[in-house]
């Protein structure tokens, strides 16, 4: 077993890159040339079944074994560290059983990981993350927001993180963007600026806050509106109203992580600003 952050065994930090899966599959084919092809395919099948937490069943012939291995690798792709570990362990076990068999070393595997920009590097027995997503922490809701608001915040942030871990960037961004819109409605309360914020929708509410802001506040709120507008546009992020099939841009997972962190930063600002304005009344 490789050594890495133990939390990744239960909560995936993200899926493996498709180029890594293809590269590992090519290496397996090369290893198969050194022995009984079906037996070697079955060996890798068993490892990837374990990685995907699915039951292993031997295939009836070599062709089915190859097809089943592709299926099992696809099932295991949702957790990149576990996927890499499955391949590495399978190679090491083959070499232990057959000392004359040549299997890919850490350097060869690292070339595939680097070429695919997978975000991991093998330094046996360690698997080192070279690009780790650490979400920006959003503080607990202050007393100015009620218990229900705190529950909404926690559920939405958790749902966003879960979507990121499964490689669903669009849904992750959509979740926190919805939360940003939801938290903005708290400024319509009578305890904030004497109840003068009357807008019903995000841009209206933030626009009114911006008119009352000064210096950095005004600029921060403008950036917030710009990001919201871009992600909402069909030719931008397209996470709210769909993506324009001809001019829209597909959202990559690294871009989704960035947007999630940006929105988390704005959530932190809005929560702090709500508390500050509420204290002025108290």
C-alpha atoms as a PDB file:
ATOM      1  CA  UNK A   1       0.000   0.000   0.000  1.00  0.00           C
ATOM      2  CA  UNK A   2       1.088   3.531  -0.719  1.00  0.00           C
ATOM      3  CA  UNK A   3       1.136   6.157   1.989  1.00  0.00           C
ATOM      4  CA  UNK A   4      -0.932   9.303   1.491  1.00  0.00           C
ATOM      5  CA  UNK A   5      -3.549  11.394   3.253  1.00  0.00           C
ATOM      6  CA  UNK A   6      -5.771   8.791   4.930  1.00  0.00           C
ATOM      7  CA  UNK A   7      -8.887  10.884   4.390  1.00  0.00           C
ATOM      8  CA  UNK A   8      -8.609  10.234   0.662  1.00  0.00           C
ATOM      9  CA  UNK A   9      -9.498   6.581   1.241  1.00  0.00           C
ATOM     10  CA  UNK A  10     -12.981   7.664   2.316  1.00  0.00           C
ATOM     11  CA  UNK A  11     -13.490  10.985   0.495  1.00  0.00           C
ATOM     12  CA  UNK A  12     -11.975  11.188  -2.968  1.00  0.00           C
ATOM     13  CA  UNK A  13      -9.907  14.324  -3.673  1.00  0.00           C
ATOM     14  CA  UNK A  14     -10.896  13.960  -7.322  1.00  0.00           C
ATOM     15  CA  UNK A  15     -10.923  11.526 -10.258  1.00  0.00           C
ATOM     16  CA  UNK A  16      -7.893  10.322 -12.172  1.00  0.00           C
ATOM     17  CA  UNK A  17      -7.120  12.032 -15.465  1.00  0.00           C
ATOM     18  CA  UNK A  18      -8.243  10.084 -18.529  1.00  0.00           C
ATOM     19  CA  UNK A  19      -4.700  10.254 -19.937  1.00  0.00           C
ATOM     20  CA  UNK A  20      -3.393   8.438 -16.846  1.00  0.00           C
ATOM     21  CA  UNK A  21      -5.940   5.666 -17.263  1.00  0.00           C
ATOM     22  CA  UNK A  22      -4.932   5.296 -20.906  1.00  0.00           C
ATOM     23  CA  UNK A  23      -1.228   5.356 -20.038  1.00  0.00           C
ATOM     24  CA  UNK A  24      -1.576   2.701 -17.340  1.00  0.00           C
ATOM     25  CA  UNK A  25      -3.634   0.529 -19.678  1.00  0.00           C
ATOM     26  CA  UNK A  26      -0.887   0.706 -22.290  1.00  0.00           C
ATOM     27  CA  UNK A  27       1.698  -0.327 -19.699  1.00  0.00           C
ATOM     28  CA  UNK A  28      -0.456  -3.292 -18.679  1.00  0.00           C
ATOM     29  CA  UNK A  29      -0.517  -4.441 -22.309  1.00  0.00           C
ATOM     30  CA  UNK A  30       3.289  -4.250 -22.388  1.00  0.00           C
ATOM     31  CA  UNK A  31       3.591  -6.249 -19.165  1.00  0.00           C
ATOM     32  CA  UNK A  32       1.238  -8.876 -20.604  1.00  0.00           C
ATOM     33  CA  UNK A  33       3.806  -9.610 -23.291  1.00  0.00           C
ATOM     34  CA  UNK A  34       6.074 -11.158 -20.658  1.00  0.00           C
ATOM     35  CA  UNK A  35       3.767 -13.964 -19.544  1.00  0.00           C
ATOM     36  CA  UNK A  36       0.320 -15.477 -19.792  1.00  0.00           C
ATOM     37  CA  UNK A  37      -1.797 -12.568 -20.961  1.00  0.00           C
ATOM     38  CA  UNK A  38      -5.094 -13.638 -19.404  1.00  0.00           C
ATOM     39  CA  UNK A  39      -3.527 -14.350 -16.010  1.00  0.00           C
ATOM     40  CA  UNK A  40      -1.862 -10.925 -15.938  1.00  0.00           C
ATOM     41  CA  UNK A  41      -5.077  -9.187 -17.009  1.00  0.00           C
ATOM     42  CA  UNK A  42      -6.943 -11.009 -14.227  1.00  0.00           C
ATOM     43  CA  UNK A  43      -4.298  -9.899 -11.734  1.00  0.00           C
ATOM     44  CA  UNK A  44      -4.819  -6.228 -12.611  1.00  0.00           C
ATOM     45  CA  UNK A  45      -8.584  -6.745 -12.723  1.00  0.00           C
ATOM     46  CA  UNK A  46      -8.598  -7.948  -9.133  1.00  0.00           C
ATOM     47  CA  UNK A  47      -6.665  -4.889  -7.975  1.00  0.00           C
ATOM     48  CA  UNK A  48      -8.913  -2.396  -9.749  1.00  0.00           C
ATOM     49  CA  UNK A  49     -12.049  -4.178  -8.539  1.00  0.00           C
ATOM     50  CA  UNK A  50     -10.776  -3.709  -4.991  1.00  0.00           C
ATOM     51  CA  UNK A  51     -10.059  -0.035  -5.739  1.00  0.00           C
ATOM     52  CA  UNK A  52     -13.610   0.429  -7.022  1.00  0.00           C
ATOM     53  CA  UNK A  53     -15.041  -1.548  -4.088  1.00  0.00           C
ATOM     54  CA  UNK A  54     -16.693  -4.028  -6.440  1.00  0.00           C
ATOM     55  CA  UNK A  55     -16.646  -7.820  -6.397  1.00  0.00           C
ATOM     56  CA  UNK A  56     -14.061  -9.560  -8.560  1.00  0.00           C
ATOM     57  CA  UNK A  57     -15.129 -12.338 -10.952  1.00  0.00           C
ATOM     58  CA  UNK A  58     -12.712 -14.055 -13.365  1.00  0.00           C
ATOM     59  CA  UNK A  59     -13.518 -13.691 -17.042  1.00  0.00           C
ATOM     60  CA  UNK A  60     -14.220 -16.691 -19.260  1.00  0.00           C
ATOM     61  CA  UNK A  61     -11.547 -15.925 -21.848  1.00  0.00           C
ATOM     62  CA  UNK A  62      -8.752 -13.500 -22.722  1.00  0.00           C
ATOM     63  CA  UNK A  63     -10.902 -11.141 -24.813  1.00  0.00           C
ATOM     64  CA  UNK A  64     -13.462 -10.775 -22.051  1.00  0.00           C
ATOM     65  CA  UNK A  65     -10.679 -10.303 -19.510  1.00  0.00           C
ATOM     66  CA  UNK A  66      -9.361  -7.342 -21.492  1.00  0.00           C
ATOM     67  CA  UNK A  67     -12.813  -5.787 -21.839  1.00  0.00           C
ATOM     68  CA  UNK A  68     -13.611  -6.388 -18.172  1.00  0.00           C
ATOM     69  CA  UNK A  69     -10.347  -4.757 -17.125  1.00  0.00           C
ATOM     70  CA  UNK A  70     -11.316  -1.612 -19.057  1.00  0.00           C
ATOM     71  CA  UNK A  71     -14.640  -1.618 -17.219  1.00  0.00           C
ATOM     72  CA  UNK A  72     -13.050  -2.109 -13.814  1.00  0.00           C
ATOM     73  CA  UNK A  73     -10.482   0.635 -14.393  1.00  0.00           C
ATOM     74  CA  UNK A  74     -13.294   2.998 -15.388  1.00  0.00           C
ATOM     75  CA  UNK A  75     -15.146   2.157 -12.184  1.00  0.00           C
ATOM     76  CA  UNK A  76     -12.045   2.929 -10.112  1.00  0.00           C
ATOM     77  CA  UNK A  77     -11.285   6.249 -11.810  1.00  0.00           C
ATOM     78  CA  UNK A  78     -13.353   8.350  -9.368  1.00  0.00           C
ATOM     79  CA  UNK A  79     -10.561   8.329  -6.752  1.00  0.00           C
ATOM     80  CA  UNK A  80      -7.167   9.236  -8.199  1.00  0.00           C
ATOM     81  CA  UNK A  81      -4.911   8.164  -5.269  1.00  0.00           C
ATOM     82  CA  UNK A  82      -6.657   4.793  -4.934  1.00  0.00           C
ATOM     83  CA  UNK A  83      -6.408   4.300  -8.712  1.00  0.00           C
ATOM     84  CA  UNK A  84      -2.672   4.981  -8.707  1.00  0.00           C
ATOM     85  CA  UNK A  85      -2.189   2.732  -5.693  1.00  0.00           C
ATOM     86  CA  UNK A  86      -4.067  -0.134  -7.374  1.00  0.00           C
ATOM     87  CA  UNK A  87      -1.773   0.005 -10.396  1.00  0.00           C
ATOM     88  CA  UNK A  88       1.415   0.353  -8.345  1.00  0.00           C
ATOM     89  CA  UNK A  89       0.535  -2.476  -5.959  1.00  0.00           C
ATOM     90  CA  UNK A  90      -0.421  -4.779  -8.828  1.00  0.00           C
ATOM     91  CA  UNK A  91       2.954  -4.156 -10.486  1.00  0.00           C
ATOM     92  CA  UNK A  92       4.892  -4.748  -7.269  1.00  0.00           C
ATOM     93  CA  UNK A  93       3.016  -7.981  -6.585  1.00  0.00           C
ATOM     94  CA  UNK A  94       3.774  -9.265 -10.106  1.00  0.00           C
ATOM     95  CA  UNK A  95       7.471  -8.555  -9.679  1.00  0.00           C
ATOM     96  CA  UNK A  96       7.520 -10.256  -6.273  1.00  0.00           C
ATOM     97  CA  UNK A  97       5.975 -13.398  -7.772  1.00  0.00           C
ATOM     98  CA  UNK A  98       8.077 -13.299 -10.956  1.00  0.00           C
ATOM     99  CA  UNK A  99      11.505 -11.718 -10.253  1.00  0.00           C
ATOM    100  CA  UNK A 100      12.435 -11.828 -13.939  1.00  0.00           C
ATOM    101  CA  UNK A 101       9.361  -9.865 -14.993  1.00  0.00           C
ATOM    102  CA  UNK A 102       9.961  -6.184 -15.766  1.00  0.00           C
ATOM    103  CA  UNK A 103       7.262  -3.821 -14.507  1.00  0.00           C
ATOM    104  CA  UNK A 104       7.040  -0.017 -14.698  1.00  0.00           C
ATOM    105  CA  UNK A 105       9.110   1.727 -12.047  1.00  0.00           C
ATOM    106  CA  UNK A 106       8.189   4.923 -10.225  1.00  0.00           C
ATOM    107  CA  UNK A 107       9.986   7.072 -12.804  1.00  0.00           C
ATOM    108  CA  UNK A 108       7.962   5.639 -15.706  1.00  0.00           C
ATOM    109  CA  UNK A 109       4.710   6.061 -13.797  1.00  0.00           C
ATOM    110  CA  UNK A 110       5.626   9.624 -12.841  1.00  0.00           C
ATOM    111  CA  UNK A 111       6.153  10.510 -16.495  1.00  0.00           C
ATOM    112  CA  UNK A 112       2.565   9.512 -17.211  1.00  0.00           C
ATOM    113  CA  UNK A 113       1.297  11.434 -14.163  1.00  0.00           C
ATOM    114  CA  UNK A 114       3.288  14.527 -15.129  1.00  0.00           C
ATOM    115  CA  UNK A 115       2.288  14.458 -18.804  1.00  0.00           C
ATOM    116  CA  UNK A 116      -1.373  14.229 -17.767  1.00  0.00           C
ATOM    117  CA  UNK A 117      -0.942  16.961 -15.128  1.00  0.00           C
ATOM    118  CA  UNK A 118      -2.566  14.537 -12.704  1.00  0.00           C
ATOM    119  CA  UNK A 119      -1.463  16.421  -9.593  1.00  0.00           C
ATOM    120  CA  UNK A 120       0.384  13.477  -8.008  1.00  0.00           C
ATOM    121  CA  UNK A 121       3.940  12.163  -7.878  1.00  0.00           C
ATOM    122  CA  UNK A 122       5.052   8.722  -6.800  1.00  0.00           C
ATOM    123  CA  UNK A 123       7.930   8.598  -4.310  1.00  0.00           C
ATOM    124  CA  UNK A 124       7.557   5.050  -2.895  1.00  0.00           C
ATOM    125  CA  UNK A 125       6.174   4.366  -0.435  1.00  0.00           C
ATOM    126  CA  UNK A 126       4.708   7.891  -0.572  1.00  0.00           C
ATOM    127  CA  UNK A 127       2.193   9.275  -3.036  1.00  0.00           C
ATOM    128  CA  UNK A 128       2.710  13.031  -2.969  1.00  0.00           C
ATOM    129  CA  UNK A 129       0.047  15.507  -4.043  1.00  0.00           C
ATOM    130  CA  UNK A 130       1.548  18.242  -6.194  1.00  0.00           C
ATOM    131  CA  UNK A 131      -1.712  20.093  -6.649  1.00  0.00           C
ATOM    132  CA  UNK A 132      -4.005  19.862  -3.636  1.00  0.00           C
ATOM    133  CA  UNK A 133      -7.365  21.568  -3.450  1.00  0.00           C
ATOM    134  CA  UNK A 134      -7.741  23.130  -0.014  1.00  0.00           C
ATOM    135  CA  UNK A 135     -11.115  24.861   0.157  1.00  0.00           C
ATOM    136  CA  UNK A 136     -11.206  28.312   1.699  1.00  0.00           C
ATOM    137  CA  UNK A 137     -12.854  28.083   5.091  1.00  0.00           C
ATOM    138  CA  UNK A 138     -16.199  29.813   5.491  1.00  0.00           C
ATOM    139  CA  UNK A 139     -16.774  30.765   9.148  1.00  0.00           C
ATOM    140  CA  UNK A 140     -19.828  29.752  11.114  1.00  0.00           C
ATOM    141  CA  UNK A 141     -22.754  32.093  10.657  1.00  0.00           C
ATOM    142  CA  UNK A 142     -22.672  34.901  13.245  1.00  0.00           C
ATOM    143  CA  UNK A 143     -25.547  35.616  15.654  1.00  0.00           C
ATOM    144  CA  UNK A 144     -27.015  37.986  13.071  1.00  0.00           C
ATOM    145  CA  UNK A 145     -27.940  34.925  10.975  1.00  0.00           C
ATOM    146  CA  UNK A 146     -30.286  32.343  12.469  1.00  0.00           C
ATOM    147  CA  UNK A 147     -29.883  28.596  12.977  1.00  0.00           C
ATOM    148  CA  UNK A 148     -31.698  27.821   9.747  1.00  0.00           C
ATOM    149  CA  UNK A 149     -29.210  29.958   7.815  1.00  0.00           C
ATOM    150  CA  UNK A 150     -26.302  28.089   9.405  1.00  0.00           C
ATOM    151  CA  UNK A 151     -27.807  24.749   8.372  1.00  0.00           C
ATOM    152  CA  UNK A 152     -28.262  25.977   4.792  1.00  0.00           C
ATOM    153  CA  UNK A 153     -24.657  27.173   4.653  1.00  0.00           C
ATOM    154  CA  UNK A 154     -23.231  23.902   5.978  1.00  0.00           C
ATOM    155  CA  UNK A 155     -25.364  21.681   3.733  1.00  0.00           C
ATOM    156  CA  UNK A 156     -24.545  23.678   0.619  1.00  0.00           C
ATOM    157  CA  UNK A 157     -20.799  23.816   1.284  1.00  0.00           C
ATOM    158  CA  UNK A 158     -20.731  20.072   1.975  1.00  0.00           C
ATOM    159  CA  UNK A 159     -22.677  19.349  -1.208  1.00  0.00           C
ATOM    160  CA  UNK A 160     -20.263  21.489  -3.228  1.00  0.00           C
ATOM    161  CA  UNK A 161     -17.224  19.705  -1.813  1.00  0.00           C
ATOM    162  CA  UNK A 162     -18.796  16.320  -2.506  1.00  0.00           C
ATOM    163  CA  UNK A 163     -19.414  17.298  -6.128  1.00  0.00           C
ATOM    164  CA  UNK A 164     -15.797  18.429  -6.505  1.00  0.00           C
ATOM    165  CA  UNK A 165     -14.558  15.130  -5.061  1.00  0.00           C
ATOM    166  CA  UNK A 166     -16.575  13.298  -7.715  1.00  0.00           C
ATOM    167  CA  UNK A 167     -15.225  15.489 -10.497  1.00  0.00           C
ATOM    168  CA  UNK A 168     -18.527  17.297 -11.098  1.00  0.00           C
ATOM    169  CA  UNK A 169     -17.239  20.855 -11.292  1.00  0.00           C
ATOM    170  CA  UNK A 170     -20.339  22.463 -12.764  1.00  0.00           C
ATOM    171  CA  UNK A 171     -22.582  21.146  -9.997  1.00  0.00           C
ATOM    172  CA  UNK A 172     -20.041  22.183  -7.330  1.00  0.00           C
ATOM    173  CA  UNK A 173     -19.944  25.766  -8.601  1.00  0.00           C
ATOM    174  CA  UNK A 174     -23.714  25.824  -9.050  1.00  0.00           C
ATOM    175  CA  UNK A 175     -24.185  24.861  -5.396  1.00  0.00           C
ATOM    176  CA  UNK A 176     -22.022  27.639  -3.918  1.00  0.00           C
ATOM    177  CA  UNK A 177     -23.312  30.192  -6.428  1.00  0.00           C
ATOM    178  CA  UNK A 178     -26.834  29.385  -5.230  1.00  0.00           C
ATOM    179  CA  UNK A 179     -25.610  29.817  -1.650  1.00  0.00           C
ATOM    180  CA  UNK A 180     -24.137  33.225  -2.507  1.00  0.00           C
ATOM    181  CA  UNK A 181     -27.510  34.303  -3.902  1.00  0.00           C
ATOM    182  CA  UNK A 182     -29.290  32.904  -0.849  1.00  0.00           C
ATOM    183  CA  UNK A 183     -27.059  34.645   1.718  1.00  0.00           C
ATOM    184  CA  UNK A 184     -27.477  37.954  -0.100  1.00  0.00           C
ATOM    185  CA  UNK A 185     -31.204  37.941   0.733  1.00  0.00           C
ATOM    186  CA  UNK A 186     -30.343  38.268   4.448  1.00  0.00           C
ATOM    187  CA  UNK A 187     -29.552  41.938   3.790  1.00  0.00           C
ATOM    188  CA  UNK A 188     -33.244  42.653   3.157  1.00  0.00           C
ATOM    189  CA  UNK A 189     -33.950  42.333   6.887  1.00  0.00           C
ATOM    190  CA  UNK A 190     -35.161  45.374   8.886  1.00  0.00           C
ATOM    191  CA  UNK A 191     -32.055  45.211  11.080  1.00  0.00           C
ATOM    192  CA  UNK A 192     -29.763  46.000   8.125  1.00  0.00           C
ATOM    193  CA  UNK A 193     -29.468  49.639   7.005  1.00  0.00           C
ATOM    194  CA  UNK A 194     -32.933  50.366   8.452  1.00  0.00           C
ATOM    195  CA  UNK A 195     -34.526  47.920   6.020  1.00  0.00           C
ATOM    196  CA  UNK A 196     -33.592  50.101   3.045  1.00  0.00           C
ATOM    197  CA  UNK A 197     -32.329  47.179   0.930  1.00  0.00           C
ATOM    198  CA  UNK A 198     -35.375  46.314  -1.169  1.00  0.00           C
ATOM    199  CA  UNK A 199     -33.971  44.297  -4.073  1.00  0.00           C
ATOM    200  CA  UNK A 200     -35.434  40.850  -4.633  1.00  0.00           C
ATOM    201  CA  UNK A 201     -32.611  39.312  -6.662  1.00  0.00           C
ATOM    202  CA  UNK A 202     -28.856  38.993  -6.223  1.00  0.00           C
ATOM    203  CA  UNK A 203     -27.732  41.731  -8.603  1.00  0.00           C
ATOM    204  CA  UNK A 204     -30.310  44.158  -7.198  1.00  0.00           C
ATOM    205  CA  UNK A 205     -29.323  43.476  -3.578  1.00  0.00           C
ATOM    206  CA  UNK A 206     -25.579  43.639  -4.221  1.00  0.00           C
ATOM    207  CA  UNK A 207     -26.074  46.737  -6.388  1.00  0.00           C
ATOM    208  CA  UNK A 208     -27.854  48.515  -3.528  1.00  0.00           C
ATOM    209  CA  UNK A 209     -25.130  47.471  -1.074  1.00  0.00           C
ATOM    210  CA  UNK A 210     -22.521  48.751  -3.501  1.00  0.00           C
ATOM    211  CA  UNK A 211     -24.215  52.147  -3.673  1.00  0.00           C
ATOM    212  CA  UNK A 212     -23.908  52.372   0.107  1.00  0.00           C
ATOM    213  CA  UNK A 213     -20.365  51.016   0.215  1.00  0.00           C
ATOM    214  CA  UNK A 214     -17.120  52.917   0.198  1.00  0.00           C
ATOM    215  CA  UNK A 215     -13.598  52.203  -1.048  1.00  0.00           C
ATOM    216  CA  UNK A 216     -12.734  48.523  -0.895  1.00  0.00           C
ATOM    217  CA  UNK A 217     -16.326  47.470  -0.195  1.00  0.00           C
ATOM    218  CA  UNK A 218     -17.549  49.027  -3.424  1.00  0.00           C
ATOM    219  CA  UNK A 219     -14.849  47.297  -5.480  1.00  0.00           C
ATOM    220  CA  UNK A 220     -15.330  43.904  -3.780  1.00  0.00           C
ATOM    221  CA  UNK A 221     -19.074  43.999  -4.444  1.00  0.00           C
ATOM    222  CA  UNK A 222     -18.433  44.926  -8.083  1.00  0.00           C
ATOM    223  CA  UNK A 223     -16.104  41.941  -8.484  1.00  0.00           C
ATOM    224  CA  UNK A 224     -18.751  39.754  -6.884  1.00  0.00           C
ATOM    225  CA  UNK A 225     -21.372  40.918  -9.390  1.00  0.00           C
ATOM    226  CA  UNK A 226     -18.956  40.405 -12.284  1.00  0.00           C
ATOM    227  CA  UNK A 227     -18.181  36.815 -11.254  1.00  0.00           C
ATOM    228  CA  UNK A 228     -21.870  36.058 -10.718  1.00  0.00           C
ATOM    229  CA  UNK A 229     -22.727  37.471 -14.123  1.00  0.00           C
ATOM    230  CA  UNK A 230     -20.012  35.518 -15.913  1.00  0.00           C
ATOM    231  CA  UNK A 231     -20.893  32.201 -14.301  1.00  0.00           C
ATOM    232  CA  UNK A 232     -24.582  32.775 -15.027  1.00  0.00           C
ATOM    233  CA  UNK A 233     -24.056  33.615 -18.701  1.00  0.00           C
ATOM    234  CA  UNK A 234     -24.621  30.837 -21.281  1.00  0.00           C
ATOM    235  CA  UNK A 235     -21.421  31.956 -23.046  1.00  0.00           C
ATOM    236  CA  UNK A 236     -19.488  32.085 -19.751  1.00  0.00           C
ATOM    237  CA  UNK A 237     -19.637  29.537 -16.978  1.00  0.00           C
ATOM    238  CA  UNK A 238     -23.199  28.588 -17.839  1.00  0.00           C
ATOM    239  CA  UNK A 239     -23.873  27.058 -14.431  1.00  0.00           C
ATOM    240  CA  UNK A 240     -27.283  28.693 -13.928  1.00  0.00           C
ATOM    241  CA  UNK A 241     -28.983  28.977 -17.317  1.00  0.00           C
ATOM    242  CA  UNK A 242     -27.222  26.345 -19.379  1.00  0.00           C
ATOM    243  CA  UNK A 243     -24.259  26.609 -21.740  1.00  0.00           C
ATOM    244  CA  UNK A 244     -24.389  27.956 -25.271  1.00  0.00           C
ATOM    245  CA  UNK A 245     -23.509  24.893 -27.380  1.00  0.00           C
ATOM    246  CA  UNK A 246     -21.608  26.942 -29.959  1.00  0.00           C
ATOM    247  CA  UNK A 247     -19.960  29.684 -27.888  1.00  0.00           C
ATOM    248  CA  UNK A 248     -20.074  28.357 -24.316  1.00  0.00           C
ATOM    249  CA  UNK A 249     -16.982  27.107 -22.518  1.00  0.00           C
ATOM    250  CA  UNK A 250     -16.857  23.713 -20.807  1.00  0.00           C
ATOM    251  CA  UNK A 251     -15.942  24.079 -17.128  1.00  0.00           C
ATOM    252  CA  UNK A 252     -12.796  22.119 -16.243  1.00  0.00           C
ATOM    253  CA  UNK A 253     -12.365  20.707 -12.728  1.00  0.00           C
ATOM    254  CA  UNK A 254      -9.416  22.972 -11.840  1.00  0.00           C
ATOM    255  CA  UNK A 255     -11.405  25.994 -12.989  1.00  0.00           C
ATOM    256  CA  UNK A 256     -14.345  24.812 -10.893  1.00  0.00           C
ATOM    257  CA  UNK A 257     -12.118  24.585  -7.812  1.00  0.00           C
ATOM    258  CA  UNK A 258     -10.934  28.146  -8.398  1.00  0.00           C
ATOM    259  CA  UNK A 259     -14.488  29.453  -8.806  1.00  0.00           C
ATOM    260  CA  UNK A 260     -15.614  27.607  -5.688  1.00  0.00           C
ATOM    261  CA  UNK A 261     -12.827  29.183  -3.668  1.00  0.00           C
ATOM    262  CA  UNK A 262     -13.575  32.640  -5.066  1.00  0.00           C
ATOM    263  CA  UNK A 263     -17.236  32.288  -4.157  1.00  0.00           C
ATOM    264  CA  UNK A 264     -16.295  30.983  -0.701  1.00  0.00           C
ATOM    265  CA  UNK A 265     -14.230  34.147  -0.233  1.00  0.00           C
ATOM    266  CA  UNK A 266     -17.219  36.296  -1.169  1.00  0.00           C
ATOM    267  CA  UNK A 267     -19.444  34.294   1.174  1.00  0.00           C
ATOM    268  CA  UNK A 268     -16.994  34.978   3.986  1.00  0.00           C
ATOM    269  CA  UNK A 269     -17.109  38.684   3.156  1.00  0.00           C
ATOM    270  CA  UNK A 270     -20.922  38.805   3.033  1.00  0.00           C
ATOM    271  CA  UNK A 271     -21.270  36.969   6.341  1.00  0.00           C
ATOM    272  CA  UNK A 272     -18.813  39.349   8.028  1.00  0.00           C
ATOM    273  CA  UNK A 273     -20.503  42.373   6.457  1.00  0.00           C
ATOM    274  CA  UNK A 274     -23.936  41.237   7.619  1.00  0.00           C
ATOM    275  CA  UNK A 275     -22.639  40.882  11.169  1.00  0.00           C
ATOM    276  CA  UNK A 276     -20.978  44.313  11.038  1.00  0.00           C
ATOM    277  CA  UNK A 277     -24.140  46.053   9.842  1.00  0.00           C
ATOM    278  CA  UNK A 278     -26.307  44.180  12.348  1.00  0.00           C
ATOM    279  CA  UNK A 279     -24.039  45.300  15.207  1.00  0.00           C
ATOM    280  CA  UNK A 280     -24.546  48.931  14.208  1.00  0.00           C
ATOM    281  CA  UNK A 281     -28.223  48.570  15.110  1.00  0.00           C
ATOM    282  CA  UNK A 282     -27.741  46.582  18.331  1.00  0.00           C
END
